[in-house]
Amino acid sequence: MMHSDVLIVRAREGDKHAQGKLVEVWYKRIYNFSYKFFYDHDMAMEASQKTFISMHRNIAYLQDAARFRSWLYTIAVNCCREELRKRKSDKSVSLHDLGPGEHEDSYHWEKSGTRGENPERVLRQNELSDLLQECLMQLSEEQREVVIMKEYEGMKFREIAEALNLSENTVKSRMYYGLEALKRILERRKITQETIGYEL
């Protein structure tokens, strides 16, 4: 997943091949972030496409190659928010009305891992992942953004703060309250940490 600053510098200078490579490297991550945000394939695809269109248009203005990841997630978050506003406006649906879309290559909460295991266990893990996703959708938009970035995308608090234009303390606060809310939601559903194989 790591790429060199040289690739970003070339992309920033207008190298179309380098820009295409950045899309290759980051598309899956941005799609998965968007999918976790919406739990809807079509909306995730739309937000992802808009993210990379914006990346192409604006990468020349990126001053520090080392901040590419947080910069890209800033775009992704804004595209997700825009898509959510658009969908709510078009159909007047709440976030909780959104049903699961096609899963494609979406990451699940896979801290315990499922690859190479027997089909029954994989099926159960997938069912639990879907339950976790449904619980995630019950968080506020602000909490959900932070939890996805930290727990699924492995971003540092500093990077999340840069991406969301917030202080690190605000990010940590949203993370804390988001995880506490998830715990309460899981407890109401009688899902334990032992059941999911993951410690919140």
Protein backbone atom coordinates (compact mmCIF):
# COMPACT_ATOMS: atom_id res chain seq x y z
CA MET A 1 0.00 0.00 0.00
CA MET A 2 2.98 2.29 0.49
CA HIS A 3 4.14 4.36 -2.44
CA SER A 4 7.05 6.72 -2.92
CA ASP A 5 6.95 10.47 -2.65
CA VAL A 6 8.42 10.48 -6.16
CA LEU A 7 5.15 9.09 -7.55
CA ILE A 8 3.18 11.85 -5.85
CA VAL A 9 5.62 14.51 -7.03
CA ARG A 10 5.32 13.28 -10.61
CA ALA A 11 1.54 13.21 -10.35
CA ARG A 12 1.62 16.74 -8.96
CA GLU A 13 3.66 17.82 -11.98
CA GLY A 14 0.97 16.53 -14.33
CA ASP A 15 2.32 13.04 -15.10
CA LYS A 16 -0.86 11.17 -16.14
CA HIS A 17 0.76 7.76 -15.68
CA ALA A 18 1.72 8.65 -12.11
CA GLN A 19 -1.80 9.91 -11.45
CA GLY A 20 -3.20 6.66 -12.80
CA LYS A 21 -0.89 4.66 -10.52
CA LEU A 22 -2.12 6.63 -7.52
CA VAL A 23 -5.69 5.72 -8.44
CA GLU A 24 -4.65 2.05 -8.69
CA VAL A 25 -2.98 2.17 -5.29
CA TRP A 26 -5.72 4.04 -3.45
CA TYR A 27 -9.01 3.18 -5.17
CA LYS A 28 -9.77 0.12 -3.05
CA ARG A 29 -9.05 1.98 0.19
CA ILE A 30 -11.19 4.95 -0.74
CA TYR A 31 -14.03 2.72 -1.96
CA ASN A 32 -13.93 0.74 1.29
CA PHE A 33 -13.93 3.90 3.38
CA SER A 34 -16.94 5.15 1.42
CA TYR A 35 -18.71 1.81 1.70
CA LYS A 36 -18.24 1.76 5.46
CA PHE A 37 -19.58 5.31 5.60
CA PHE A 38 -22.73 4.55 3.57
CA TYR A 39 -23.16 0.76 3.73
CA ASP A 40 -24.33 1.20 0.14
CA HIS A 41 -22.40 0.12 -2.96
CA ASP A 42 -23.79 2.67 -5.43
CA MET A 43 -23.19 5.63 -3.13
CA ALA A 44 -19.68 4.38 -2.34
CA MET A 45 -18.90 4.07 -6.06
CA GLU A 46 -20.19 7.57 -6.75
CA ALA A 47 -18.22 9.12 -3.89
CA SER A 48 -15.06 7.21 -4.89
CA GLN A 49 -15.27 8.35 -8.50
CA LYS A 50 -15.78 11.96 -7.44
CA THR A 51 -12.84 11.68 -5.05
CA PHE A 52 -10.42 10.71 -7.80
CA ILE A 53 -11.81 13.23 -10.28
CA SER A 54 -11.12 15.87 -7.65
CA MET A 55 -7.68 14.38 -7.00
CA HIS A 56 -6.77 14.71 -10.68
CA ARG A 57 -7.98 18.31 -10.78
CA ASN A 58 -6.32 19.48 -7.58
CA ILE A 59 -3.16 17.45 -7.00
CA ALA A 60 -1.03 20.21 -8.54
CA TYR A 61 -1.95 22.34 -5.51
CA LEU A 62 -0.78 19.74 -2.96
CA GLN A 63 2.31 21.34 -1.43
CA ASP A 64 3.57 18.52 0.81
CA ALA A 65 3.78 15.02 -0.69
CA ALA A 66 4.05 13.55 2.82
CA ARG A 67 0.49 14.72 3.52
CA PHE A 68 -1.02 13.02 0.48
CA ARG A 69 -3.00 10.44 2.48
CA SER A 70 -4.70 12.94 4.79
CA TRP A 71 -5.29 15.24 1.79
CA LEU A 72 -6.94 12.43 -0.19
CA TYR A 73 -9.15 11.48 2.75
CA THR A 74 -10.19 15.12 3.12
CA ILE A 75 -11.51 14.92 -0.43
CA ALA A 76 -13.14 11.54 0.21
CA VAL A 77 -14.92 12.76 3.35
CA ASN A 78 -16.22 15.84 1.55
CA CYS A 79 -17.45 13.71 -1.37
CA CYS A 80 -19.19 11.31 1.03
CA ARG A 81 -20.87 14.17 2.86
CA GLU A 82 -21.97 15.70 -0.43
CA GLU A 83 -23.34 12.40 -1.70
CA LEU A 84 -25.21 11.84 1.57
CA ARG A 85 -26.79 15.31 1.40
CA LYS A 86 -27.72 14.70 -2.21
CA ARG A 87 -29.33 11.33 -1.47
CA LYS A 88 -31.24 12.69 1.51
CA SER A 89 -32.44 15.61 -0.57
CA ASP A 90 -33.43 13.44 -3.54
CA LYS A 91 -35.21 10.69 -1.63
CA SER A 92 -35.68 12.14 1.84
CA VAL A 93 -34.25 9.01 3.42
CA SER A 94 -32.45 8.81 6.71
CA LEU A 95 -29.12 7.05 7.09
CA HIS A 96 -30.81 4.17 8.87
CA ASP A 97 -33.08 3.58 5.88
CA LEU A 98 -30.11 2.68 3.71
CA GLY A 99 -29.86 -1.04 3.11
CA PRO A 100 -26.70 -3.02 2.45
CA GLY A 101 -25.42 -2.85 -1.10
CA GLU A 102 -23.24 -5.29 -2.98
CA HIS A 103 -20.20 -6.04 -0.89
CA GLU A 104 -17.63 -6.27 -3.71
CA ASP A 105 -14.20 -6.04 -2.12
CA SER A 106 -15.39 -4.17 0.95
CA TYR A 107 -13.24 -4.73 4.01
CA HIS A 108 -15.01 -6.06 7.08
CA TRP A 109 -13.97 -5.75 10.70
CA GLU A 110 -11.37 -8.48 10.17
CA LYS A 111 -9.08 -8.17 13.16
CA SER A 112 -9.47 -11.89 13.85
CA GLY A 113 -9.12 -12.83 10.16
CA THR A 114 -11.21 -15.28 8.13
CA ARG A 115 -8.98 -16.35 5.25
CA GLY A 116 -8.08 -20.02 5.01
CA GLU A 117 -10.73 -21.10 7.53
CA ASN A 118 -13.64 -23.46 7.12
CA PRO A 119 -16.70 -22.17 5.21
CA GLU A 120 -19.03 -22.24 8.23
CA ARG A 121 -16.69 -20.07 10.27
CA VAL A 122 -16.21 -17.68 7.35
CA LEU A 123 -20.00 -17.40 6.95
CA ARG A 124 -20.43 -16.69 10.66
CA GLN A 125 -17.65 -14.08 10.58
CA ASN A 126 -19.31 -12.41 7.58
CA GLU A 127 -22.64 -12.32 9.40
CA LEU A 128 -20.96 -10.76 12.43
CA SER A 129 -19.22 -8.25 10.16
CA ASP A 130 -22.60 -7.25 8.73
CA LEU A 131 -23.95 -6.82 12.26
CA LEU A 132 -20.96 -4.65 13.16
CA GLN A 133 -21.53 -2.57 10.04
CA GLU A 134 -25.16 -2.06 10.99
CA CYS A 135 -24.05 -0.97 14.46
CA LEU A 136 -21.51 1.40 12.91
CA MET A 137 -24.28 3.04 10.90
CA GLN A 138 -26.04 3.98 14.14
CA LEU A 139 -23.20 6.30 15.14
CA SER A 140 -23.37 9.97 14.34
CA GLU A 141 -21.76 10.99 11.05
CA GLU A 142 -18.90 12.68 12.92
CA GLN A 143 -18.15 9.67 15.11
CA ARG A 144 -18.46 7.23 12.22
CA GLU A 145 -15.89 9.14 10.13
CA VAL A 146 -13.30 8.99 12.91
CA VAL A 147 -13.93 5.35 13.85
CA ILE A 148 -13.63 4.21 10.22
CA MET A 149 -10.43 6.18 9.66
CA LYS A 150 -8.80 4.91 12.86
CA GLU A 151 -10.05 1.33 13.14
CA TYR A 152 -10.46 0.35 9.49
CA GLU A 153 -7.98 2.58 7.70
CA GLY A 154 -5.30 2.57 10.39
CA MET A 155 -4.76 6.31 10.24
CA LYS A 156 -2.98 8.20 13.00
CA PHE A 157 -4.87 10.78 15.04
CA ARG A 158 -2.70 13.48 13.49
CA GLU A 159 -3.67 12.36 9.97
CA ILE A 160 -7.35 12.19 10.86
CA ALA A 161 -7.17 15.67 12.39
CA GLU A 162 -5.60 16.98 9.17
CA ALA A 163 -8.17 15.22 6.98
CA LEU A 164 -11.13 16.54 8.96
CA ASN A 165 -9.60 19.94 9.78
CA LEU A 166 -10.03 19.33 13.50
CA SER A 167 -7.77 19.37 16.54
CA GLU A 168 -6.31 16.03 17.64
CA ASN A 169 -8.16 16.36 20.95
CA THR A 170 -11.47 16.69 19.12
CA VAL A 171 -10.65 13.61 17.02
CA LYS A 172 -9.73 11.62 20.15
CA SER A 173 -12.94 12.74 21.84
CA ARG A 174 -15.07 11.64 18.87
CA MET A 175 -13.18 8.34 18.79
CA TYR A 176 -13.77 7.74 22.50
CA TYR A 177 -17.48 8.55 22.38
CA GLY A 178 -17.88 6.61 19.13
CA LEU A 179 -16.38 3.45 20.60
CA GLU A 180 -18.42 3.87 23.79
CA ALA A 181 -21.57 4.19 21.69
CA LEU A 182 -20.61 1.07 19.72
CA LYS A 183 -20.14 -0.87 22.95
CA ARG A 184 -23.63 0.11 24.12
CA ILE A 185 -25.16 -0.82 20.76
CA LEU A 186 -23.40 -4.20 20.80
CA GLU A 187 -24.49 -4.83 24.38
CA ARG A 188 -28.11 -4.16 23.44
CA ARG A 189 -27.75 -6.74 20.69
CA LYS A 190 -26.07 -9.11 23.15
CA ILE A 191 -22.91 -9.25 21.04
CA THR A 192 -19.79 -9.64 23.16
CA GLN A 193 -16.13 -8.98 22.42
CA GLU A 194 -15.52 -12.72 22.63
CA THR A 195 -18.20 -13.29 19.99
CA ILE A 196 -16.69 -10.90 17.49
CA GLY A 197 -13.07 -11.68 18.30
CA TYR A 198 -12.26 -7.99 18.54
CA GLU A 199 -11.74 -5.71 21.52
CA LEU A 200 -13.31 -2.29 21.35
